[in-house]
Amino acid sequence: MEIWINPACSKCRSALTLLDAEGADYTVRRYLEEVPSEDEIRDVLDRLGLEPWDITRTQEAVAGELGLRAWARDAASRERWIAALAGHPRLIQRPIITADDGTAVVARTDEAVRDALSR
């Protein structure tokens, strides 16, 4: 199991605390320092069953600079969104846990963390 975190994020710290309390075996990826490639983002999206706009933090300043809110959310625009996430990892929703069964969850709640642990 791997968890993508930003250490400054309270949701990330909460997820780590719960993983530790449950004795989970996991690897931490500080994704702002070890930026996911476009292929890694595609893989995580497949595992999540989501589209890139579903995991984009549109309230971030860089989202406004890029004009993301006006971007189309369709198959033709998917690669543009993925490139934006890889180029500006601060836009990636966090934390994301990739479970051992090949799935993933956006672990913003204790329930989502427990869901990842049960997989």
PDB file of N, CA and C in Angstrom:
ATOM      1  N   MET A   1       0.851  -1.166   0.000  1.00  0.00           N
ATOM      2  CA  MET A   1       0.000   0.000   0.000  1.00  0.00           C
ATOM      3  C   MET A   1       0.899   1.232   0.000  1.00  0.00           C
ATOM      4  N   GLU A   2       0.486   2.211  -0.795  1.00  0.00           N
ATOM      5  CA  GLU A   2       1.223   3.471  -0.854  1.00  0.00           C
ATOM      6  C   GLU A   2       0.232   4.602  -0.628  1.00  0.00           C
ATOM      7  N   ILE A   3       0.694   5.653   0.057  1.00  0.00           N
ATOM      8  CA  ILE A   3      -0.150   6.825   0.279  1.00  0.00           C
ATOM      9  C   ILE A   3       0.578   8.059  -0.237  1.00  0.00           C
ATOM     10  N   TRP A   4      -0.108   8.789  -1.114  1.00  0.00           N
ATOM     11  CA  TRP A   4       0.423  10.042  -1.646  1.00  0.00           C
ATOM     12  C   TRP A   4      -0.013  11.148  -0.691  1.00  0.00           C
ATOM     13  N   ILE A   5       0.963  11.867  -0.159  1.00  0.00           N
ATOM     14  CA  ILE A   5       0.641  12.904   0.821  1.00  0.00           C
ATOM     15  C   ILE A   5       1.370  14.211   0.557  1.00  0.00           C
ATOM     16  N   ASN A   6       0.818  15.246   1.145  1.00  0.00           N
ATOM     17  CA  ASN A   6       1.476  16.527   1.338  1.00  0.00           C
ATOM     18  C   ASN A   6       1.534  16.666   2.861  1.00  0.00           C
ATOM     19  N   PRO A   7       2.744  16.668   3.456  1.00  0.00           N
ATOM     20  CA  PRO A   7       2.840  16.704   4.917  1.00  0.00           C
ATOM     21  C   PRO A   7       2.150  17.907   5.565  1.00  0.00           C
ATOM     22  N   ALA A   8       1.924  18.973   4.816  1.00  0.00           N
ATOM     23  CA  ALA A   8       1.270  20.160   5.361  1.00  0.00           C
ATOM     24  C   ALA A   8      -0.250  20.001   5.442  1.00  0.00           C
ATOM     25  N   CYS A   9      -0.771  18.931   4.861  1.00  0.00           N
ATOM     26  CA  CYS A   9      -2.217  18.708   4.779  1.00  0.00           C
ATOM     27  C   CYS A   9      -2.733  17.965   6.004  1.00  0.00           C
ATOM     28  N   SER A  10      -3.733  18.525   6.666  1.00  0.00           N
ATOM     29  CA  SER A  10      -4.279  17.889   7.872  1.00  0.00           C
ATOM     30  C   SER A  10      -4.966  16.566   7.540  1.00  0.00           C
ATOM     31  N   LYS A  11      -5.623  16.456   6.395  1.00  0.00           N
ATOM     32  CA  LYS A  11      -6.259  15.188   6.006  1.00  0.00           C
ATOM     33  C   LYS A  11      -5.210  14.098   5.813  1.00  0.00           C
ATOM     34  N   CYS A  12      -4.052  14.473   5.263  1.00  0.00           N
ATOM     35  CA  CYS A  12      -2.961  13.510   5.074  1.00  0.00           C
ATOM     36  C   CYS A  12      -2.427  13.043   6.429  1.00  0.00           C
ATOM     37  N   ARG A  13      -2.229  13.983   7.329  1.00  0.00           N
ATOM     38  CA  ARG A  13      -1.726  13.620   8.654  1.00  0.00           C
ATOM     39  C   ARG A  13      -2.723  12.723   9.385  1.00  0.00           C
ATOM     40  N   SER A  14      -4.009  13.012   9.251  1.00  0.00           N
ATOM     41  CA  SER A  14      -5.036  12.167   9.877  1.00  0.00           C
ATOM     42  C   SER A  14      -5.015  10.756   9.301  1.00  0.00           C
ATOM     43  N   ALA A  15      -4.864  10.655   7.986  1.00  0.00           N
ATOM     44  CA  ALA A  15      -4.816   9.336   7.343  1.00  0.00           C
ATOM     45  C   ALA A  15      -3.603   8.549   7.835  1.00  0.00           C
ATOM     46  N   LEU A  16      -2.456   9.205   7.942  1.00  0.00           N
ATOM     47  CA  LEU A  16      -1.251   8.531   8.442  1.00  0.00           C
ATOM     48  C   LEU A  16      -1.437   8.065   9.880  1.00  0.00           C
ATOM     49  N   THR A  17      -2.054   8.898  10.699  1.00  0.00           N
ATOM     50  CA  THR A  17      -2.307   8.530  12.095  1.00  0.00           C
ATOM     51  C   THR A  17      -3.177   7.281  12.165  1.00  0.00           C
ATOM     52  N   LEU A  18      -4.216   7.228  11.351  1.00  0.00           N
ATOM     53  CA  LEU A  18      -5.097   6.065  11.343  1.00  0.00           C
ATOM     54  C   LEU A  18      -4.375   4.820  10.813  1.00  0.00           C
ATOM     55  N   LEU A  19      -3.598   4.976   9.760  1.00  0.00           N
ATOM     56  CA  LEU A  19      -2.832   3.837   9.237  1.00  0.00           C
ATOM     57  C   LEU A  19      -1.895   3.291  10.310  1.00  0.00           C
ATOM     58  N   ASP A  20      -1.232   4.197  11.017  1.00  0.00           N
ATOM     59  CA  ASP A  20      -0.326   3.766  12.093  1.00  0.00           C
ATOM     60  C   ASP A  20      -1.092   3.073  13.214  1.00  0.00           C
ATOM     61  N   ALA A  21      -2.238   3.630  13.582  1.00  0.00           N
ATOM     62  CA  ALA A  21      -3.037   3.040  14.664  1.00  0.00           C
ATOM     63  C   ALA A  21      -3.512   1.635  14.302  1.00  0.00           C
ATOM     64  N   GLU A  22      -3.739   1.411  13.011  1.00  0.00           N
ATOM     65  CA  GLU A  22      -4.201   0.105  12.539  1.00  0.00           C
ATOM     66  C   GLU A  22      -3.041  -0.846  12.253  1.00  0.00           C
ATOM     67  N   GLY A  23      -1.805  -0.357  12.416  1.00  0.00           N
ATOM     68  CA  GLY A  23      -0.635  -1.198  12.168  1.00  0.00           C
ATOM     69  C   GLY A  23      -0.431  -1.535  10.704  1.00  0.00           C
ATOM     70  N   ALA A  24      -0.876  -0.663   9.819  1.00  0.00           N
ATOM     71  CA  ALA A  24      -0.782  -0.914   8.388  1.00  0.00           C
ATOM     72  C   ALA A  24       0.664  -0.854   7.898  1.00  0.00           C
ATOM     73  N   ASP A  25       0.946  -1.659   6.896  1.00  0.00           N
ATOM     74  CA  ASP A  25       2.239  -1.642   6.218  1.00  0.00           C
ATOM     75  C   ASP A  25       2.060  -0.776   4.970  1.00  0.00           C
ATOM     76  N   TYR A  26       2.717   0.370   4.936  1.00  0.00           N
ATOM     77  CA  TYR A  26       2.524   1.292   3.826  1.00  0.00           C
ATOM     78  C   TYR A  26       3.812   2.061   3.541  1.00  0.00           C
ATOM     79  N   THR A  27       3.841   2.641   2.357  1.00  0.00           N
ATOM     80  CA  THR A  27       4.935   3.495   1.922  1.00  0.00           C
ATOM     81  C   THR A  27       4.378   4.894   1.711  1.00  0.00           C
ATOM     82  N   VAL A  28       5.116   5.898   2.169  1.00  0.00           N
ATOM     83  CA  VAL A  28       4.705   7.285   1.992  1.00  0.00           C
ATOM     84  C   VAL A  28       5.371   7.852   0.747  1.00  0.00           C
ATOM     85  N   ARG A  29       4.565   8.508  -0.064  1.00  0.00           N
ATOM     86  CA  ARG A  29       5.098   9.235  -1.218  1.00  0.00           C
ATOM     87  C   ARG A  29       4.704  10.691  -1.064  1.00  0.00           C
ATOM     88  N   ARG A  30       5.698  11.526  -0.874  1.00  0.00           N
ATOM     89  CA  ARG A  30       5.472  12.976  -0.817  1.00  0.00           C
ATOM     90  C   ARG A  30       5.406  13.460  -2.263  1.00  0.00           C
ATOM     91  N   TYR A  31       4.219  13.491  -2.779  1.00  0.00           N
ATOM     92  CA  TYR A  31       4.054  13.664  -4.222  1.00  0.00           C
ATOM     93  C   TYR A  31       4.423  15.052  -4.737  1.00  0.00           C
ATOM     94  N   LEU A  32       4.591  16.025  -3.850  1.00  0.00           N
ATOM     95  CA  LEU A  32       5.083  17.330  -4.311  1.00  0.00           C
ATOM     96  C   LEU A  32       6.584  17.285  -4.562  1.00  0.00           C
ATOM     97  N   GLU A  33       7.270  16.350  -3.902  1.00  0.00           N
ATOM     98  CA  GLU A  33       8.715  16.177  -4.089  1.00  0.00           C
ATOM     99  C   GLU A  33       9.014  15.086  -5.118  1.00  0.00           C
ATOM    100  N   GLU A  34       8.273  13.996  -5.050  1.00  0.00           N
ATOM    101  CA  GLU A  34       8.407  12.878  -5.986  1.00  0.00           C
ATOM    102  C   GLU A  34       7.155  12.899  -6.869  1.00  0.00           C
ATOM    103  N   VAL A  35       7.191  13.799  -7.852  1.00  0.00           N
ATOM    104  CA  VAL A  35       6.017  14.101  -8.663  1.00  0.00           C
ATOM    105  C   VAL A  35       5.634  12.898  -9.535  1.00  0.00           C
ATOM    106  N   PRO A  36       4.363  12.498  -9.478  1.00  0.00           N
ATOM    107  CA  PRO A  36       3.916  11.387 -10.322  1.00  0.00           C
ATOM    108  C   PRO A  36       3.992  11.752 -11.806  1.00  0.00           C
ATOM    109  N   SER A  37       4.375  10.778 -12.599  1.00  0.00           N
ATOM    110  CA  SER A  37       4.397  10.971 -14.048  1.00  0.00           C
ATOM    111  C   SER A  37       2.969  10.916 -14.586  1.00  0.00           C
ATOM    112  N   GLU A  38       2.804  11.286 -15.833  1.00  0.00           N
ATOM    113  CA  GLU A  38       1.488  11.192 -16.452  1.00  0.00           C
ATOM    114  C   GLU A  38       1.004   9.743 -16.448  1.00  0.00           C
ATOM    115  N   ASP A  39       1.911   8.796 -16.704  1.00  0.00           N
ATOM    116  CA  ASP A  39       1.522   7.381 -16.684  1.00  0.00           C
ATOM    117  C   ASP A  39       1.068   6.945 -15.291  1.00  0.00           C
ATOM    118  N   GLU A  40       1.771   7.407 -14.253  1.00  0.00           N
ATOM    119  CA  GLU A  40       1.366   7.068 -12.884  1.00  0.00           C
ATOM    120  C   GLU A  40       0.003   7.664 -12.546  1.00  0.00           C
ATOM    121  N   ILE A  41      -0.249   8.868 -13.019  1.00  0.00           N
ATOM    122  CA  ILE A  41      -1.542   9.503 -12.790  1.00  0.00           C
ATOM    123  C   ILE A  41      -2.641   8.725 -13.516  1.00  0.00           C
ATOM    124  N   ARG A  42      -2.379   8.312 -14.762  1.00  0.00           N
ATOM    125  CA  ARG A  42      -3.361   7.497 -15.485  1.00  0.00           C
ATOM    126  C   ARG A  42      -3.656   6.212 -14.724  1.00  0.00           C
ATOM    127  N   ASP A  43      -2.598   5.571 -14.210  1.00  0.00           N
ATOM    128  CA  ASP A  43      -2.769   4.325 -13.461  1.00  0.00           C
ATOM    129  C   ASP A  43      -3.632   4.552 -12.223  1.00  0.00           C
ATOM    130  N   VAL A  44      -3.336   5.602 -11.463  1.00  0.00           N
ATOM    131  CA  VAL A  44      -4.116   5.892 -10.260  1.00  0.00           C
ATOM    132  C   VAL A  44      -5.564   6.217 -10.625  1.00  0.00           C
ATOM    133  N   LEU A  45      -5.770   6.949 -11.691  1.00  0.00           N
ATOM    134  CA  LEU A  45      -7.139   7.254 -12.121  1.00  0.00           C
ATOM    135  C   LEU A  45      -7.890   5.972 -12.464  1.00  0.00           C
ATOM    136  N   ASP A  46      -7.232   5.049 -13.171  1.00  0.00           N
ATOM    137  CA  ASP A  46      -7.856   3.762 -13.492  1.00  0.00           C
ATOM    138  C   ASP A  46      -8.206   3.010 -12.220  1.00  0.00           C
ATOM    139  N   ARG A  47      -7.271   3.018 -11.261  1.00  0.00           N
ATOM    140  CA  ARG A  47      -7.497   2.314  -9.992  1.00  0.00           C
ATOM    141  C   ARG A  47      -8.623   2.953  -9.190  1.00  0.00           C
ATOM    142  N   LEU A  48      -8.736   4.272  -9.269  1.00  0.00           N
ATOM    143  CA  LEU A  48      -9.798   4.997  -8.571  1.00  0.00           C
ATOM    144  C   LEU A  48     -11.145   4.869  -9.285  1.00  0.00           C
ATOM    145  N   GLY A  49     -11.094   4.636 -10.601  1.00  0.00           N
ATOM    146  CA  GLY A  49     -12.324   4.657 -11.389  1.00  0.00           C
ATOM    147  C   GLY A  49     -12.839   6.067 -11.572  1.00  0.00           C
ATOM    148  N   LEU A  50     -11.909   7.036 -11.618  1.00  0.00           N
ATOM    149  CA  LEU A  50     -12.266   8.450 -11.725  1.00  0.00           C
ATOM    150  C   LEU A  50     -11.588   9.084 -12.936  1.00  0.00           C
ATOM    151  N   GLU A  51     -12.000  10.284 -13.235  1.00  0.00           N
ATOM    152  CA  GLU A  51     -11.383  11.093 -14.289  1.00  0.00           C
ATOM    153  C   GLU A  51     -10.474  12.135 -13.641  1.00  0.00           C
ATOM    154  N   PRO A  52      -9.546  12.712 -14.399  1.00  0.00           N
ATOM    155  CA  PRO A  52      -8.596  13.659 -13.789  1.00  0.00           C
ATOM    156  C   PRO A  52      -9.261  14.861 -13.136  1.00  0.00           C
ATOM    157  N   TRP A  53     -10.332  15.348 -13.700  1.00  0.00           N
ATOM    158  CA  TRP A  53     -11.022  16.502 -13.108  1.00  0.00           C
ATOM    159  C   TRP A  53     -11.665  16.139 -11.772  1.00  0.00           C
ATOM    160  N   ASP A  54     -11.901  14.841 -11.548  1.00  0.00           N
ATOM    161  CA  ASP A  54     -12.481  14.402 -10.276  1.00  0.00           C
ATOM    162  C   ASP A  54     -11.487  14.485  -9.119  1.00  0.00           C
ATOM    163  N   ILE A  55     -10.192  14.483  -9.422  1.00  0.00           N
ATOM    164  CA  ILE A  55      -9.175  14.544  -8.364  1.00  0.00           C
ATOM    165  C   ILE A  55      -8.366  15.839  -8.435  1.00  0.00           C
ATOM    166  N   THR A  56      -8.916  16.837  -9.103  1.00  0.00           N
ATOM    167  CA  THR A  56      -8.225  18.116  -9.256  1.00  0.00           C
ATOM    168  C   THR A  56      -8.728  19.110  -8.215  1.00  0.00           C
ATOM    169  N   ARG A  57      -7.777  19.726  -7.530  1.00  0.00           N
ATOM    170  CA  ARG A  57      -8.088  20.750  -6.528  1.00  0.00           C
ATOM    171  C   ARG A  57      -8.259  22.088  -7.253  1.00  0.00           C
ATOM    172  N   THR A  58      -9.477  22.348  -7.697  1.00  0.00           N
ATOM    173  CA  THR A  58      -9.731  23.532  -8.518  1.00  0.00           C
ATOM    174  C   THR A  58      -9.660  24.840  -7.745  1.00  0.00           C
ATOM    175  N   GLN A  59      -9.584  24.768  -6.414  1.00  0.00           N
ATOM    176  CA  GLN A  59      -9.489  25.990  -5.614  1.00  0.00           C
ATOM    177  C   GLN A  59      -8.047  26.478  -5.466  1.00  0.00           C
ATOM    178  N   GLU A  60      -7.078  25.675  -5.899  1.00  0.00           N
ATOM    179  CA  GLU A  60      -5.674  26.088  -5.819  1.00  0.00           C
ATOM    180  C   GLU A  60      -5.419  27.282  -6.738  1.00  0.00           C
ATOM    181  N   ALA A  61      -4.492  28.140  -6.342  1.00  0.00           N
ATOM    182  CA  ALA A  61      -4.184  29.337  -7.130  1.00  0.00           C
ATOM    183  C   ALA A  61      -3.776  28.982  -8.561  1.00  0.00           C
ATOM    184  N   VAL A  62      -2.974  27.945  -8.717  1.00  0.00           N
ATOM    185  CA  VAL A  62      -2.521  27.560 -10.057  1.00  0.00           C
ATOM    186  C   VAL A  62      -3.690  27.118 -10.933  1.00  0.00           C
ATOM    187  N   ALA A  63      -4.737  26.567 -10.340  1.00  0.00           N
ATOM    188  CA  ALA A  63      -5.930  26.197 -11.108  1.00  0.00           C
ATOM    189  C   ALA A  63      -6.554  27.442 -11.725  1.00  0.00           C
ATOM    190  N   GLY A  64      -6.600  28.505 -10.934  1.00  0.00           N
ATOM    191  CA  GLY A  64      -7.123  29.768 -11.452  1.00  0.00           C
ATOM    192  C   GLY A  64      -6.243  30.335 -12.551  1.00  0.00           C
ATOM    193  N   GLU A  65      -4.920  30.241 -12.352  1.00  0.00           N
ATOM    194  CA  GLU A  65      -3.985  30.741 -13.360  1.00  0.00           C
ATOM    195  C   GLU A  65      -4.131  29.991 -14.679  1.00  0.00           C
ATOM    196  N   LEU A  66      -4.385  28.685 -14.580  1.00  0.00           N
ATOM    197  CA  LEU A  66      -4.548  27.862 -15.781  1.00  0.00           C
ATOM    198  C   LEU A  66      -5.946  27.972 -16.383  1.00  0.00           C
ATOM    199  N   GLY A  67      -6.891  28.507 -15.625  1.00  0.00           N
ATOM    200  CA  GLY A  67      -8.272  28.588 -16.088  1.00  0.00           C
ATOM    201  C   GLY A  67      -8.971  27.235 -16.122  1.00  0.00           C
ATOM    202  N   LEU A  68      -8.594  26.326 -15.193  1.00  0.00           N
ATOM    203  CA  LEU A  68      -9.118  24.959 -15.191  1.00  0.00           C
ATOM    204  C   LEU A  68     -10.635  24.873 -15.130  1.00  0.00           C
ATOM    205  N   ARG A  69     -11.245  25.761 -14.432  1.00  0.00           N
ATOM    206  CA  ARG A  69     -12.704  25.673 -14.277  1.00  0.00           C
ATOM    207  C   ARG A  69     -13.427  25.780 -15.620  1.00  0.00           C
ATOM    208  N   ALA A  70     -12.773  26.397 -16.593  1.00  0.00           N
ATOM    209  CA  ALA A  70     -13.387  26.554 -17.916  1.00  0.00           C
ATOM    210  C   ALA A  70     -13.034  25.403 -18.867  1.00  0.00           C
ATOM    211  N   TRP A  71     -12.125  24.519 -18.440  1.00  0.00           N
ATOM    212  CA  TRP A  71     -11.736  23.417 -19.320  1.00  0.00           C
ATOM    213  C   TRP A  71     -12.870  22.418 -19.459  1.00  0.00           C
ATOM    214  N   ALA A  72     -12.980  21.857 -20.655  1.00  0.00           N
ATOM    215  CA  ALA A  72     -13.973  20.810 -20.899  1.00  0.00           C
ATOM    216  C   ALA A  72     -13.632  19.578 -20.066  1.00  0.00           C
ATOM    217  N   ARG A  73     -14.664  18.898 -19.644  1.00  0.00           N
ATOM    218  CA  ARG A  73     -14.500  17.659 -18.868  1.00  0.00           C
ATOM    219  C   ARG A  73     -15.051  16.517 -19.719  1.00  0.00           C
ATOM    220  N   ASP A  74     -14.244  16.162 -20.719  1.00  0.00           N
ATOM    221  CA  ASP A  74     -14.654  15.115 -21.647  1.00  0.00           C
ATOM    222  C   ASP A  74     -13.433  14.320 -22.092  1.00  0.00           C
ATOM    223  N   ALA A  75     -13.675  13.252 -22.832  1.00  0.00           N
ATOM    224  CA  ALA A  75     -12.598  12.350 -23.255  1.00  0.00           C
ATOM    225  C   ALA A  75     -11.528  13.088 -24.064  1.00  0.00           C
ATOM    226  N   ALA A  76     -11.933  14.035 -24.878  1.00  0.00           N
ATOM    227  CA  ALA A  76     -10.981  14.764 -25.708  1.00  0.00           C
ATOM    228  C   ALA A  76     -10.042  15.643 -24.871  1.00  0.00           C
ATOM    229  N   SER A  77     -10.485  16.023 -23.688  1.00  0.00           N
ATOM    230  CA  SER A  77      -9.688  16.905 -22.823  1.00  0.00           C
ATOM    231  C   SER A  77      -8.934  16.157 -21.729  1.00  0.00           C
ATOM    232  N   ARG A  78      -9.143  14.858 -21.633  1.00  0.00           N
ATOM    233  CA  ARG A  78      -8.572  14.065 -20.533  1.00  0.00           C
ATOM    234  C   ARG A  78      -7.061  14.224 -20.432  1.00  0.00           C
ATOM    235  N   GLU A  79      -6.354  14.114 -21.545  1.00  0.00           N
ATOM    236  CA  GLU A  79      -4.886  14.198 -21.519  1.00  0.00           C
ATOM    237  C   GLU A  79      -4.393  15.576 -21.102  1.00  0.00           C
ATOM    238  N   ARG A  80      -5.126  16.612 -21.453  1.00  0.00           N
ATOM    239  CA  ARG A  80      -4.773  17.967 -21.028  1.00  0.00           C
ATOM    240  C   ARG A  80      -4.835  18.071 -19.506  1.00  0.00           C
ATOM    241  N   TRP A  81      -5.867  17.490 -18.910  1.00  0.00           N
ATOM    242  CA  TRP A  81      -6.018  17.487 -17.450  1.00  0.00           C
ATOM    243  C   TRP A  81      -4.879  16.702 -16.801  1.00  0.00           C
ATOM    244  N   ILE A  82      -4.568  15.540 -17.363  1.00  0.00           N
ATOM    245  CA  ILE A  82      -3.496  14.701 -16.801  1.00  0.00           C
ATOM    246  C   ILE A  82      -2.167  15.441 -16.864  1.00  0.00           C
ATOM    247  N   ALA A  83      -1.900  16.104 -17.970  1.00  0.00           N
ATOM    248  CA  ALA A  83      -0.655  16.882 -18.103  1.00  0.00           C
ATOM    249  C   ALA A  83      -0.610  18.006 -17.066  1.00  0.00           C
ATOM    250  N   ALA A  84      -1.746  18.629 -16.802  1.00  0.00           N
ATOM    251  CA  ALA A  84      -1.798  19.698 -15.790  1.00  0.00           C
ATOM    252  C   ALA A  84      -1.490  19.143 -14.404  1.00  0.00           C
ATOM    253  N   LEU A  85      -2.036  17.964 -14.073  1.00  0.00           N
ATOM    254  CA  LEU A  85      -1.765  17.351 -12.769  1.00  0.00           C
ATOM    255  C   LEU A  85      -0.290  16.988 -12.627  1.00  0.00           C
ATOM    256  N   ALA A  86       0.300  16.449 -13.682  1.00  0.00           N
ATOM    257  CA  ALA A  86       1.719  16.088 -13.632  1.00  0.00           C
ATOM    258  C   ALA A  86       2.604  17.330 -13.580  1.00  0.00           C
ATOM    259  N   GLY A  87       2.192  18.366 -14.272  1.00  0.00           N
ATOM    260  CA  GLY A  87       2.977  19.604 -14.298  1.00  0.00           C
ATOM    261  C   GLY A  87       2.812  20.467 -13.059  1.00  0.00           C
ATOM    262  N   HIS A  88       1.708  20.277 -12.373  1.00  0.00           N
ATOM    263  CA  HIS A  88       1.379  21.074 -11.185  1.00  0.00           C
ATOM    264  C   HIS A  88       0.796  20.136 -10.123  1.00  0.00           C
ATOM    265  N   PRO A  89       1.642  19.334  -9.486  1.00  0.00           N
ATOM    266  CA  PRO A  89       1.134  18.302  -8.571  1.00  0.00           C
ATOM    267  C   PRO A  89       0.330  18.845  -7.396  1.00  0.00           C
ATOM    268  N   ARG A  90       0.458  20.116  -7.081  1.00  0.00           N
ATOM    269  CA  ARG A  90      -0.339  20.699  -6.006  1.00  0.00           C
ATOM    270  C   ARG A  90      -1.834  20.593  -6.313  1.00  0.00           C
ATOM    271  N   LEU A  91      -2.155  20.395  -7.587  1.00  0.00           N
ATOM    272  CA  LEU A  91      -3.545  20.266  -8.006  1.00  0.00           C
ATOM    273  C   LEU A  91      -4.153  18.909  -7.662  1.00  0.00           C
ATOM    274  N   ILE A  92      -3.314  17.922  -7.356  1.00  0.00           N
ATOM    275  CA  ILE A  92      -3.802  16.571  -7.095  1.00  0.00           C
ATOM    276  C   ILE A  92      -4.455  16.498  -5.711  1.00  0.00           C
ATOM    277  N   GLN A  93      -5.682  15.994  -5.700  1.00  0.00           N
ATOM    278  CA  GLN A  93      -6.385  15.784  -4.428  1.00  0.00           C
ATOM    279  C   GLN A  93      -5.591  14.831  -3.546  1.00  0.00           C
ATOM    280  N   ARG A  94      -5.669  15.011  -2.268  1.00  0.00           N
ATOM    281  CA  ARG A  94      -4.887  14.213  -1.337  1.00  0.00           C
ATOM    282  C   ARG A  94      -5.677  13.911  -0.089  1.00  0.00           C
ATOM    283  N   PRO A  95      -5.264  12.886   0.617  1.00  0.00           N
ATOM    284  CA  PRO A  95      -4.300  11.854   0.249  1.00  0.00           C
ATOM    285  C   PRO A  95      -4.949  10.806  -0.656  1.00  0.00           C
ATOM    286  N   ILE A  96      -4.113  10.125  -1.416  1.00  0.00           N
ATOM    287  CA  ILE A  96      -4.562   9.007  -2.243  1.00  0.00           C
ATOM    288  C   ILE A  96      -3.834   7.768  -1.755  1.00  0.00           C
ATOM    289  N   ILE A  97      -4.603   6.722  -1.480  1.00  0.00           N
ATOM    290  CA  ILE A  97      -4.028   5.442  -1.062  1.00  0.00           C
ATOM    291  C   ILE A  97      -4.229   4.445  -2.188  1.00  0.00           C
ATOM    292  N   THR A  98      -3.134   3.826  -2.621  1.00  0.00           N
ATOM    293  CA  THR A  98      -3.226   2.726  -3.574  1.00  0.00           C
ATOM    294  C   THR A  98      -3.195   1.443  -2.753  1.00  0.00           C
ATOM    295  N   ALA A  99      -4.273   0.687  -2.842  1.00  0.00           N
ATOM    296  CA  ALA A  99      -4.425  -0.531  -2.045  1.00  0.00           C
ATOM    297  C   ALA A  99      -3.716  -1.710  -2.701  1.00  0.00           C
ATOM    298  N   ASP A 100      -3.461  -2.720  -1.892  1.00  0.00           N
ATOM    299  CA  ASP A 100      -2.743  -3.899  -2.364  1.00  0.00           C
ATOM    300  C   ASP A 100      -3.528  -4.711  -3.384  1.00  0.00           C
ATOM    301  N   ASP A 101      -4.842  -4.529  -3.449  1.00  0.00           N
ATOM    302  CA  ASP A 101      -5.647  -5.304  -4.392  1.00  0.00           C
ATOM    303  C   ASP A 101      -5.732  -4.658  -5.772  1.00  0.00           C
ATOM    304  N   GLY A 102      -4.980  -3.558  -5.983  1.00  0.00           N
ATOM    305  CA  GLY A 102      -4.971  -2.896  -7.278  1.00  0.00           C
ATOM    306  C   GLY A 102      -5.949  -1.743  -7.392  1.00  0.00           C
ATOM    307  N   THR A 103      -6.699  -1.471  -6.334  1.00  0.00           N
ATOM    308  CA  THR A 103      -7.617  -0.343  -6.342  1.00  0.00           C
ATOM    309  C   THR A 103      -6.953   0.843  -5.643  1.00  0.00           C
ATOM    310  N   ALA A 104      -7.680   1.934  -5.550  1.00  0.00           N
ATOM    311  CA  ALA A 104      -7.188   3.122  -4.851  1.00  0.00           C
ATOM    312  C   ALA A 104      -8.382   3.876  -4.291  1.00  0.00           C
ATOM    313  N   VAL A 105      -8.110   4.728  -3.315  1.00  0.00           N
ATOM    314  CA  VAL A 105      -9.145   5.592  -2.742  1.00  0.00           C
ATOM    315  C   VAL A 105      -8.552   6.966  -2.470  1.00  0.00           C
ATOM    316  N   VAL A 106      -9.401   7.982  -2.593  1.00  0.00           N
ATOM    317  CA  VAL A 106      -9.048   9.304  -2.111  1.00  0.00           C
ATOM    318  C   VAL A 106      -9.437   9.275  -0.638  1.00  0.00           C
ATOM    319  N   ALA A 107      -8.434   9.300   0.220  1.00  0.00           N
ATOM    320  CA  ALA A 107      -8.623   8.994   1.647  1.00  0.00           C
ATOM    321  C   ALA A 107      -8.796  10.238   2.504  1.00  0.00           C
ATOM    322  N   ARG A 108      -9.805  11.029   2.204  1.00  0.00           N
ATOM    323  CA  ARG A 108     -10.037  12.271   2.940  1.00  0.00           C
ATOM    324  C   ARG A 108     -10.846  12.063   4.213  1.00  0.00           C
ATOM    325  N   THR A 109     -11.374  10.854   4.407  1.00  0.00           N
ATOM    326  CA  THR A 109     -12.138  10.562   5.613  1.00  0.00           C
ATOM    327  C   THR A 109     -11.590   9.287   6.254  1.00  0.00           C
ATOM    328  N   ASP A 110     -11.880   9.111   7.535  1.00  0.00           N
ATOM    329  CA  ASP A 110     -11.482   7.877   8.211  1.00  0.00           C
ATOM    330  C   ASP A 110     -12.118   6.667   7.540  1.00  0.00           C
ATOM    331  N   GLU A 111     -13.354   6.806   7.075  1.00  0.00           N
ATOM    332  CA  GLU A 111     -14.046   5.700   6.418  1.00  0.00           C
ATOM    333  C   GLU A 111     -13.315   5.287   5.151  1.00  0.00           C
ATOM    334  N   ALA A 112     -12.812   6.244   4.381  1.00  0.00           N
ATOM    335  CA  ALA A 112     -12.091   5.930   3.150  1.00  0.00           C
ATOM    336  C   ALA A 112     -10.773   5.224   3.467  1.00  0.00           C
ATOM    337  N   VAL A 113     -10.094   5.656   4.521  1.00  0.00           N
ATOM    338  CA  VAL A 113      -8.845   4.990   4.936  1.00  0.00           C
ATOM    339  C   VAL A 113      -9.147   3.558   5.344  1.00  0.00           C
ATOM    340  N   ARG A 114     -10.184   3.376   6.130  1.00  0.00           N
ATOM    341  CA  ARG A 114     -10.569   2.010   6.547  1.00  0.00           C
ATOM    342  C   ARG A 114     -10.960   1.152   5.355  1.00  0.00           C
ATOM    343  N   ASP A 115     -11.601   1.772   4.375  1.00  0.00           N
ATOM    344  CA  ASP A 115     -11.961   1.047   3.150  1.00  0.00           C
ATOM    345  C   ASP A 115     -10.694   0.540   2.458  1.00  0.00           C
ATOM    346  N   ALA A 116      -9.680   1.380   2.356  1.00  0.00           N
ATOM    347  CA  ALA A 116      -8.412   0.967   1.730  1.00  0.00           C
ATOM    348  C   ALA A 116      -7.770  -0.153   2.534  1.00  0.00           C
ATOM    349  N   LEU A 117      -7.840  -0.062   3.848  1.00  0.00           N
ATOM    350  CA  LEU A 117      -7.255  -1.096   4.707  1.00  0.00           C
ATOM    351  C   LEU A 117      -7.955  -2.435   4.550  1.00  0.00           C
ATOM    352  N   SER A 118      -9.229  -2.412   4.222  1.00  0.00           N
ATOM    353  CA  SER A 118      -9.982  -3.662   4.123  1.00  0.00           C
ATOM    354  C   SER A 118      -9.784  -4.372   2.788  1.00  0.00           C
ATOM    355  N   ARG A 119      -9.124  -3.732   1.866  1.00  0.00           N
ATOM    356  CA  ARG A 119      -8.964  -4.309   0.520  1.00  0.00           C
ATOM    357  C   ARG A 119      -7.786  -5.246   0.448  1.00  0.00           C
TER     358      ARG A 119
END
